[in-house]
Amino acid sequence: MSDLDAVLHKAHWLLQHKKISEAENQLIEVIRRDPQNAQAFCLLARCKYEQRKFKEGIDAIETAIALAADVDYYHYLLSFGYYQAGRHQEAIERLNTAIRLNPYAADYFGLLSLILLEEKDFKKALSAANEGLAIDGENITCLNARSTAQNKLQQTDDAMETMRNALDKDPENDFTHATIGWNLLEKGKNKEAALHFKEALRINPELEGARTGLKEALKSRIPPYKWLLQYSFWINNKGKNARWIIPIGIYIAVRVIFSASGNEEQGAGMFGMVVLGAYLLFATTSWIINPLANFFLLFNRDGKYALTANEKLNSILFVVAFGCAILLALTGWILSYRGVPPESWLAAALVAFSLGLPLGHMSFPLRLSQNHKLQWYAIGLVVFGCISLALLLFAPLDLIYGALIAYGIAFVLYTWLSALLPR
């Protein structure tokens, strides 16, 4: 074994034992001495993936492919990086190349199935998982992908059988427990789901999918949150475009019903009011339920450990905004008995309450660069809202009426953007 081969072997051992920084240092030394070493770039890509630096990992594995384009595993690794970066079509293309070079690797079909699940193509996802299992009937990735696809296709009994099979093959697999948890959660079985998420986190405390699932399962104990979560599963299973088509369709339908009923007899008008009220209740609940449920998790034995620091701060800021809104409304009500017009105070209460929405969903700590569009909009809305709040408390209402209208329009636009844009 040459000197460089020994260093590569050591780097691989360090990577397997999660000593990522040490492995990366070894690989950088190999690349410095041999810039044409494709295997070193491959291992470096894996190090970057472990650190969730997917762009750097993609760059490294692309270099490996440029040096050795006929190695199927390199194309598989590049596909995995694209998958993690949300570049699904490129990931599928690379997987097809890997499968063409080596059609007998079950893991390739397993990853293909996972990507197709993200693309909401559940039938093709099931087919890909089955192809992988035809090669290796015990492949955990394929078993998990198949159970999820079956669950999405309402093949509940088959999904349960696949999940039991996966657990029999490897009862200590964290990915399997997390997959079972999500499948159970989608069926509304939040207590059973929580048990599997806890087991997944016992096996692997760093598994983010299980941590997220546990939060959702615990919050599903609150009935409104459970109903909205089931709606979220339903709408996501309808396809990629349903996320914005269905809410817009519901809004248009409500507007049509309300407008039509306003021109009819009193009973129809009441029906329109009921429909509009139900829609507004649904919309308001969907805006506030997540940070509010997270606040309750702060006092839950399991939930407080599942929440991230950002989610904890979001929930606290939301409750602070909500508390300020109540305080302002009560102040206006008390002052009204002393002859002071309460309109400014009530308007200030509404503004304070509305600020809870961006504060409950923003990313912290705040940055001056590399923010996504919704984050920039949320920051701007909070600044605009705070200015409006200050004006309401120190300036006559009639002088700032235009600014309040502008803020209201900006807030409504934010509610739509938060539903339509990815975070």
Protein backbone atom coordinates (compact mmCIF):
# COMPACT_ATOMS: atom_id res chain seq x y z
CA MET A 1 0.00 0.00 0.00
CA SER A 2 1.40 3.38 -1.05
CA ASP A 3 1.68 6.34 1.29
CA LEU A 4 -1.30 8.10 -0.32
CA ASP A 5 -3.40 4.94 -0.18
CA ALA A 6 -2.70 4.71 3.55
CA VAL A 7 -3.80 8.30 4.05
CA LEU A 8 -6.98 7.64 2.03
CA HIS A 9 -7.67 4.53 4.09
CA LYS A 10 -7.24 6.53 7.30
CA ALA A 11 -9.55 9.29 6.00
CA HIS A 12 -12.20 6.70 5.15
CA TRP A 13 -11.93 5.21 8.64
CA LEU A 14 -12.26 8.67 10.23
CA LEU A 15 -15.31 9.41 8.07
CA GLN A 16 -16.97 6.16 9.09
CA HIS A 17 -16.41 7.05 12.75
CA LYS A 18 -17.87 10.57 12.28
CA LYS A 19 -14.55 12.34 12.79
CA ILE A 20 -15.37 14.60 9.89
CA SER A 21 -12.90 17.46 10.39
CA GLU A 22 -9.96 15.08 10.83
CA ALA A 23 -10.98 13.11 7.73
CA GLU A 24 -11.29 16.33 5.73
CA ASN A 25 -7.79 17.43 6.73
CA GLN A 26 -6.38 14.09 5.56
CA LEU A 27 -8.20 14.36 2.23
CA ILE A 28 -7.03 17.92 1.60
CA GLU A 29 -3.47 16.68 2.07
CA VAL A 30 -4.03 13.87 -0.46
CA ILE A 31 -5.53 16.30 -3.00
CA ARG A 32 -2.62 18.70 -2.49
CA ARG A 33 -0.18 15.92 -3.32
CA ASP A 34 -2.32 14.29 -6.03
CA PRO A 35 -4.87 16.68 -7.61
CA GLN A 36 -6.04 13.90 -9.98
CA ASN A 37 -7.15 11.55 -7.18
CA ALA A 38 -10.87 11.02 -7.85
CA GLN A 39 -11.38 8.88 -4.75
CA ALA A 40 -10.13 11.69 -2.51
CA PHE A 41 -12.66 14.11 -4.04
CA CYS A 42 -15.39 11.49 -3.54
CA LEU A 43 -14.59 11.13 0.16
CA LEU A 44 -14.31 14.91 0.50
CA ALA A 45 -17.83 15.23 -0.95
CA ARG A 46 -19.10 12.82 1.70
CA CYS A 47 -17.43 14.91 4.40
CA LYS A 48 -19.15 18.02 3.09
CA TYR A 49 -22.51 16.23 2.98
CA GLU A 50 -22.06 15.15 6.61
CA GLN A 51 -21.62 18.82 7.48
CA ARG A 52 -24.65 19.72 5.35
CA LYS A 53 -22.45 21.81 3.06
CA PHE A 54 -24.16 20.44 -0.01
CA LYS A 55 -22.91 23.02 -2.50
CA GLU A 56 -19.29 22.31 -1.57
CA GLY A 57 -20.00 18.58 -1.64
CA ILE A 58 -21.52 18.85 -5.11
CA ASP A 59 -18.45 20.74 -6.33
CA ALA A 60 -16.16 18.03 -4.94
CA ILE A 61 -18.05 15.09 -6.47
CA GLU A 62 -18.33 16.89 -9.82
CA THR A 63 -14.54 17.07 -9.82
CA ALA A 64 -14.37 13.33 -9.09
CA ILE A 65 -16.70 12.65 -12.05
CA ALA A 66 -14.58 14.84 -14.31
CA LEU A 67 -11.62 12.60 -13.38
CA ALA A 68 -13.49 9.26 -13.55
CA ALA A 69 -16.82 9.56 -15.36
CA ASP A 70 -17.46 5.81 -15.53
CA VAL A 71 -17.73 5.24 -11.77
CA ASP A 72 -21.45 4.75 -11.03
CA TYR A 73 -21.12 5.54 -7.30
CA TYR A 74 -19.85 9.04 -8.06
CA HIS A 75 -23.01 9.79 -10.06
CA TYR A 76 -25.09 8.41 -7.17
CA LEU A 77 -23.32 10.74 -4.72
CA LEU A 78 -23.87 13.72 -7.01
CA SER A 79 -27.55 12.79 -7.25
CA PHE A 80 -27.77 12.68 -3.46
CA GLY A 81 -26.28 16.17 -3.24
CA TYR A 82 -28.75 17.49 -5.80
CA TYR A 83 -31.59 15.81 -3.87
CA GLN A 84 -30.56 17.47 -0.62
CA ALA A 85 -30.26 20.82 -2.42
CA GLY A 86 -33.78 20.48 -3.82
CA ARG A 87 -32.58 20.07 -7.44
CA HIS A 88 -34.75 17.04 -8.09
CA GLN A 89 -34.70 16.84 -11.88
CA GLU A 90 -30.89 16.98 -11.96
CA ALA A 91 -30.81 14.34 -9.22
CA ILE A 92 -33.02 12.02 -11.30
CA GLU A 93 -30.84 12.50 -14.37
CA ARG A 94 -27.71 11.59 -12.43
CA LEU A 95 -29.39 8.55 -10.89
CA ASN A 96 -30.39 7.34 -14.34
CA THR A 97 -26.72 7.57 -15.31
CA ALA A 98 -25.68 5.63 -12.20
CA ILE A 99 -28.31 2.96 -12.88
CA ARG A 100 -27.22 2.69 -16.52
CA LEU A 101 -23.64 2.11 -15.37
CA ASN A 102 -24.73 -0.32 -12.62
CA PRO A 103 -28.33 -1.59 -12.78
CA TYR A 104 -27.85 -3.90 -9.77
CA ALA A 105 -27.47 -1.38 -6.93
CA ALA A 106 -30.66 -1.34 -4.84
CA ASP A 107 -29.68 1.89 -3.09
CA TYR A 108 -29.86 3.75 -6.40
CA PHE A 109 -33.49 2.75 -6.84
CA GLY A 110 -34.18 3.61 -3.20
CA LEU A 111 -32.91 7.16 -3.64
CA LEU A 112 -34.84 7.46 -6.92
CA SER A 113 -38.00 6.44 -5.06
CA LEU A 114 -37.40 9.05 -2.34
CA ILE A 115 -36.95 11.79 -4.94
CA LEU A 116 -40.13 10.74 -6.77
CA LEU A 117 -41.98 10.87 -3.44
CA GLU A 118 -40.85 14.49 -3.05
CA GLU A 119 -42.12 15.11 -6.59
CA LYS A 120 -45.54 13.66 -5.59
CA ASP A 121 -45.25 10.95 -8.27
CA PHE A 122 -46.28 8.18 -5.90
CA LYS A 123 -46.90 5.45 -8.50
CA LYS A 124 -43.44 5.82 -10.04
CA ALA A 125 -41.94 6.01 -6.53
CA LEU A 126 -43.56 2.69 -5.65
CA SER A 127 -42.31 1.16 -8.90
CA ALA A 128 -38.74 2.34 -8.26
CA ALA A 129 -38.79 0.97 -4.70
CA ASN A 130 -40.07 -2.38 -5.96
CA GLU A 131 -37.29 -2.51 -8.56
CA GLY A 132 -34.75 -2.00 -5.81
CA LEU A 133 -36.33 -4.67 -3.64
CA ALA A 134 -36.23 -7.10 -6.57
CA ILE A 135 -32.45 -6.70 -6.41
CA ASP A 136 -32.17 -6.72 -2.60
CA GLY A 137 -35.31 -7.65 -0.69
CA GLU A 138 -33.81 -6.38 2.59
CA ASN A 139 -32.75 -2.93 1.41
CA ILE A 140 -33.93 -0.56 4.14
CA THR A 141 -34.10 2.55 1.93
CA CYS A 142 -36.33 0.77 -0.59
CA LEU A 143 -38.54 -0.71 2.15
CA ASN A 144 -39.05 2.70 3.72
CA ALA A 145 -39.72 4.36 0.37
CA ARG A 146 -42.19 1.63 -0.58
CA SER A 147 -44.13 1.92 2.68
CA THR A 148 -44.40 5.71 2.25
CA ALA A 149 -45.53 5.36 -1.38
CA GLN A 150 -48.12 2.75 -0.39
CA ASN A 151 -49.34 5.01 2.38
CA LYS A 152 -49.73 7.93 -0.04
CA LEU A 153 -51.62 5.70 -2.48
CA GLN A 154 -54.02 4.66 0.32
CA GLN A 155 -52.69 1.09 0.28
CA THR A 156 -52.76 1.10 4.07
CA ASP A 157 -52.60 -2.66 4.72
CA ASP A 158 -49.70 -3.09 2.29
CA ALA A 159 -47.91 -0.12 3.86
CA MET A 160 -48.25 -1.61 7.34
CA GLU A 161 -46.92 -4.95 6.11
CA THR A 162 -43.93 -3.24 4.50
CA MET A 163 -43.22 -1.31 7.70
CA ARG A 164 -43.35 -4.48 9.79
CA ASN A 165 -41.02 -6.14 7.30
CA ALA A 166 -38.56 -3.23 7.52
CA LEU A 167 -38.55 -3.40 11.33
CA ASP A 168 -38.02 -7.16 11.25
CA LYS A 169 -34.97 -6.67 9.03
CA ASP A 170 -33.44 -4.00 11.26
CA PRO A 171 -35.33 -3.09 14.46
CA GLU A 172 -32.62 -0.57 15.43
CA ASN A 173 -32.80 1.48 12.23
CA ASP A 174 -33.53 5.13 13.00
CA PHE A 175 -34.67 5.89 9.44
CA THR A 176 -37.24 3.10 9.58
CA HIS A 177 -38.72 4.30 12.86
CA ALA A 178 -38.91 7.87 11.53
CA THR A 179 -40.64 6.68 8.33
CA ILE A 180 -43.16 4.66 10.31
CA GLY A 181 -43.75 7.67 12.53
CA TRP A 182 -44.55 9.92 9.56
CA ASN A 183 -46.83 7.30 8.00
CA LEU A 184 -48.75 6.93 11.28
CA LEU A 185 -48.91 10.71 11.74
CA GLU A 186 -50.45 11.10 8.30
CA LYS A 187 -53.15 8.64 9.36
CA GLY A 188 -53.89 10.74 12.45
CA LYS A 189 -52.29 8.30 14.92
CA ASN A 190 -50.19 10.90 16.69
CA LYS A 191 -49.57 8.93 19.91
CA GLU A 192 -48.22 5.88 18.09
CA ALA A 193 -46.22 8.14 15.79
CA ALA A 194 -44.60 9.89 18.77
CA LEU A 195 -43.37 6.53 20.12
CA HIS A 196 -41.58 5.75 16.86
CA PHE A 197 -40.08 9.24 16.61
CA LYS A 198 -38.77 8.92 20.18
CA GLU A 199 -37.26 5.54 19.33
CA ALA A 200 -35.60 7.00 16.23
CA LEU A 201 -34.11 9.80 18.34
CA ARG A 202 -32.96 7.31 20.96
CA ILE A 203 -31.01 5.50 18.25
CA ASN A 204 -29.83 8.68 16.52
CA PRO A 205 -30.31 11.92 18.51
CA GLU A 206 -29.22 13.96 15.47
CA LEU A 207 -31.94 12.70 13.09
CA GLU A 208 -33.70 15.92 12.10
CA GLY A 209 -36.64 14.19 10.40
CA ALA A 210 -37.49 12.36 13.62
CA ARG A 211 -37.12 15.55 15.68
CA THR A 212 -39.51 17.39 13.36
CA GLY A 213 -41.92 14.46 13.41
CA LEU A 214 -41.93 14.36 17.21
CA LYS A 215 -42.82 18.07 17.34
CA GLU A 216 -45.68 17.52 14.90
CA ALA A 217 -46.95 14.49 16.84
CA LEU A 218 -46.88 16.35 20.16
CA LYS A 219 -48.56 19.44 18.71
CA SER A 220 -51.24 17.21 17.16
CA ARG A 221 -52.60 16.68 20.68
CA ILE A 222 -54.12 20.15 20.18
CA PRO A 223 -57.24 19.46 18.03
CA PRO A 224 -57.02 22.55 15.76
CA TYR A 225 -53.39 21.78 15.00
CA LYS A 226 -54.21 18.14 14.25
CA TRP A 227 -56.93 19.18 11.79
CA LEU A 228 -54.63 21.66 10.05
CA LEU A 229 -51.83 19.09 9.87
CA GLN A 230 -54.18 16.60 8.21
CA TYR A 231 -55.19 19.33 5.76
CA SER A 232 -51.49 19.96 5.07
CA PHE A 233 -50.90 16.27 4.34
CA TRP A 234 -53.94 16.20 2.09
CA ILE A 235 -53.00 19.28 0.11
CA ASN A 236 -49.38 18.18 -0.29
CA ASN A 237 -50.46 14.79 -1.60
CA LYS A 238 -52.49 16.45 -4.36
CA GLY A 239 -49.39 17.53 -6.24
CA LYS A 240 -46.77 20.28 -6.38
CA ASN A 241 -49.12 22.99 -7.66
CA ALA A 242 -51.95 22.27 -5.21
CA ARG A 243 -50.11 24.23 -2.50
CA TRP A 244 -51.13 27.50 -4.16
CA ILE A 245 -54.00 26.49 -6.47
CA ILE A 246 -56.29 25.11 -3.72
CA PRO A 247 -55.99 28.09 -1.28
CA ILE A 248 -56.61 30.54 -4.12
CA GLY A 249 -59.56 28.43 -5.30
CA ILE A 250 -61.03 28.40 -1.78
CA TYR A 251 -60.62 32.18 -1.51
CA ILE A 252 -62.31 32.80 -4.87
CA ALA A 253 -65.16 30.42 -3.98
CA VAL A 254 -65.74 32.21 -0.67
CA ARG A 255 -65.78 35.59 -2.42
CA VAL A 256 -68.27 34.36 -5.03
CA ILE A 257 -70.58 32.83 -2.41
CA PHE A 258 -70.44 35.91 -0.21
CA SER A 259 -71.06 38.31 -3.12
CA ALA A 260 -73.93 36.24 -4.52
CA SER A 261 -75.62 35.84 -1.14
CA GLY A 262 -75.46 39.60 -0.57
CA ASN A 263 -77.82 40.13 -3.48
CA GLU A 264 -80.37 37.55 -2.32
CA GLU A 265 -82.80 37.24 0.53
CA GLN A 266 -81.78 37.53 4.17
CA GLY A 267 -81.27 33.76 4.64
CA ALA A 268 -78.79 33.62 1.76
CA GLY A 269 -77.02 36.66 3.18
CA MET A 270 -76.64 34.91 6.52
CA PHE A 271 -75.24 31.86 4.71
CA GLY A 272 -72.67 34.07 3.01
CA MET A 273 -71.67 35.57 6.37
CA VAL A 274 -71.29 32.09 7.86
CA VAL A 275 -69.10 30.96 4.93
CA LEU A 276 -66.94 34.11 5.18
CA GLY A 277 -66.65 33.72 8.96
CA ALA A 278 -65.61 30.07 8.62
CA TYR A 279 -62.99 31.02 6.03
CA LEU A 280 -61.58 33.81 8.20
CA LEU A 281 -61.50 31.50 11.23
CA PHE A 282 -59.65 28.86 9.21
CA ALA A 283 -57.17 31.40 7.82
CA THR A 284 -56.51 33.01 11.21
CA THR A 285 -56.07 29.64 12.91
CA SER A 286 -53.61 28.49 10.24
CA TRP A 287 -51.54 31.63 10.82
CA ILE A 288 -51.29 31.48 14.59
CA ILE A 289 -51.52 27.80 15.51
CA ASN A 290 -47.89 26.81 14.85
CA PRO A 291 -46.10 29.39 17.06
CA LEU A 292 -48.85 29.04 19.67
CA ALA A 293 -48.49 25.25 19.73
CA ASN A 294 -44.71 25.64 19.98
CA PHE A 295 -45.20 27.88 23.01
CA PHE A 296 -47.18 25.11 24.73
CA LEU A 297 -44.38 22.67 23.87
CA LEU A 298 -42.00 24.80 25.94
CA PHE A 299 -43.78 23.36 28.97
CA ASN A 300 -43.89 19.79 27.64
CA ARG A 301 -41.33 17.29 28.94
CA ASP A 302 -40.46 16.02 25.46
CA GLY A 303 -41.43 19.02 23.36
CA LYS A 304 -39.03 21.54 24.84
CA TYR A 305 -36.10 19.37 23.73
CA ALA A 306 -37.54 18.90 20.23
CA LEU A 307 -37.83 22.63 19.55
CA THR A 308 -34.92 24.51 18.01
CA ALA A 309 -33.66 27.76 19.54
CA ASN A 310 -35.28 29.64 16.64
CA GLU A 311 -38.66 27.99 17.22
CA LYS A 312 -38.52 28.78 20.94
CA LEU A 313 -37.81 32.44 20.21
CA ASN A 314 -40.56 32.54 17.55
CA SER A 315 -43.12 31.19 20.00
CA ILE A 316 -42.11 33.59 22.78
CA LEU A 317 -42.20 36.63 20.47
CA PHE A 318 -45.62 35.58 19.16
CA VAL A 319 -47.03 35.33 22.68
CA VAL A 320 -45.45 38.70 23.60
CA ALA A 321 -47.14 40.31 20.57
CA PHE A 322 -50.42 38.64 21.49
CA GLY A 323 -50.10 39.83 25.09
CA CYS A 324 -49.36 43.40 23.96
CA ALA A 325 -52.46 43.30 21.75
CA ILE A 326 -54.64 42.28 24.71
CA LEU A 327 -53.07 44.94 26.92
CA LEU A 328 -53.66 47.67 24.32
CA ALA A 329 -57.27 46.56 23.76
CA LEU A 330 -57.96 46.57 27.51
CA THR A 331 -56.38 50.02 27.85
CA GLY A 332 -58.61 51.38 25.08
CA TRP A 333 -61.67 49.82 26.70
CA ILE A 334 -60.82 51.33 30.12
CA LEU A 335 -60.08 54.77 28.65
CA SER A 336 -63.38 54.75 26.75
CA TYR A 337 -65.15 54.98 30.12
CA ARG A 338 -63.26 58.22 30.77
CA GLY A 339 -64.34 59.79 27.53
CA VAL A 340 -61.14 59.03 25.59
CA PRO A 341 -61.86 57.73 22.04
CA PRO A 342 -60.73 54.08 21.99
CA GLU A 343 -60.25 53.77 18.21
CA SER A 344 -56.48 54.40 18.23
CA TRP A 345 -55.94 51.90 21.01
CA LEU A 346 -58.03 49.23 19.30
CA ALA A 347 -56.21 49.83 16.02
CA ALA A 348 -52.89 49.56 17.89
CA ALA A 349 -54.09 46.26 19.38
CA LEU A 350 -54.82 44.90 15.89
CA VAL A 351 -51.39 45.99 14.64
CA ALA A 352 -49.67 44.39 17.66
CA PHE A 353 -51.60 41.17 17.10
CA SER A 354 -50.70 41.14 13.38
CA LEU A 355 -47.00 41.50 14.24
CA GLY A 356 -47.20 38.10 15.91
CA LEU A 357 -47.41 36.42 12.49
CA PRO A 358 -44.03 37.53 11.05
CA LEU A 359 -42.38 37.38 14.48
CA GLY A 360 -43.69 33.83 14.91
CA HIS A 361 -42.16 32.63 11.63
CA MET A 362 -38.99 34.68 11.06
CA SER A 363 -35.50 33.21 11.12
CA PHE A 364 -33.19 34.31 13.94
CA PRO A 365 -30.61 35.66 14.44
CA LEU A 366 -31.35 38.38 11.90
CA ARG A 367 -28.86 38.80 9.05
CA LEU A 368 -28.16 41.62 6.63
CA SER A 369 -27.47 39.26 3.71
CA GLN A 370 -28.39 35.85 2.25
CA ASN A 371 -32.01 36.03 3.44
CA HIS A 372 -34.78 34.40 1.40
CA LYS A 373 -37.49 36.66 -0.02
CA LEU A 374 -40.07 35.88 2.65
CA GLN A 375 -37.57 36.69 5.41
CA TRP A 376 -36.85 40.11 3.89
CA TYR A 377 -40.58 40.77 3.57
CA ALA A 378 -41.16 39.72 7.19
CA ILE A 379 -38.40 42.04 8.43
CA GLY A 380 -39.87 44.93 6.44
CA LEU A 381 -43.37 44.19 7.74
CA VAL A 382 -42.18 44.18 11.36
CA VAL A 383 -40.41 47.53 10.89
CA PHE A 384 -43.51 48.97 9.16
CA GLY A 385 -45.76 47.59 11.92
CA CYS A 386 -43.63 49.02 14.74
CA ILE A 387 -43.66 52.45 13.08
CA SER A 388 -47.45 52.24 12.66
CA LEU A 389 -47.81 51.21 16.30
CA ALA A 390 -45.75 54.19 17.48
CA LEU A 391 -47.75 56.59 15.31
CA LEU A 392 -51.03 55.19 16.65
CA LEU A 393 -49.99 55.86 20.22
CA PHE A 394 -48.70 59.39 19.62
CA ALA A 395 -50.57 60.80 16.60
CA PRO A 396 -54.29 61.30 15.85
CA LEU A 397 -55.86 58.41 13.98
CA ASP A 398 -57.17 60.55 11.12
CA LEU A 399 -53.64 61.75 10.28
CA ILE A 400 -52.18 58.27 9.84
CA TYR A 401 -55.19 56.54 8.31
CA GLY A 402 -53.42 56.15 4.95
CA ALA A 403 -50.38 54.55 6.58
CA LEU A 404 -52.62 52.05 8.39
CA ILE A 405 -54.35 51.11 5.13
CA ALA A 406 -50.94 50.56 3.51
CA TYR A 407 -49.83 48.41 6.45
CA GLY A 408 -53.03 46.37 6.25
CA ILE A 409 -52.45 45.70 2.55
CA ALA A 410 -48.83 44.73 3.27
CA PHE A 411 -49.98 42.36 6.02
CA VAL A 412 -52.59 40.64 3.81
CA LEU A 413 -49.97 40.24 1.09
CA TYR A 414 -47.62 38.64 3.63
CA THR A 415 -50.26 36.08 4.62
CA TRP A 416 -50.56 35.03 0.99
CA LEU A 417 -46.82 34.97 0.39
CA SER A 418 -46.27 32.89 3.53
CA ALA A 419 -48.69 30.30 2.15
CA LEU A 420 -47.29 30.26 -1.39
CA LEU A 421 -43.52 30.78 -1.07
CA PRO A 422 -41.09 28.21 0.35
CA ARG A 423 -39.36 29.27 3.57
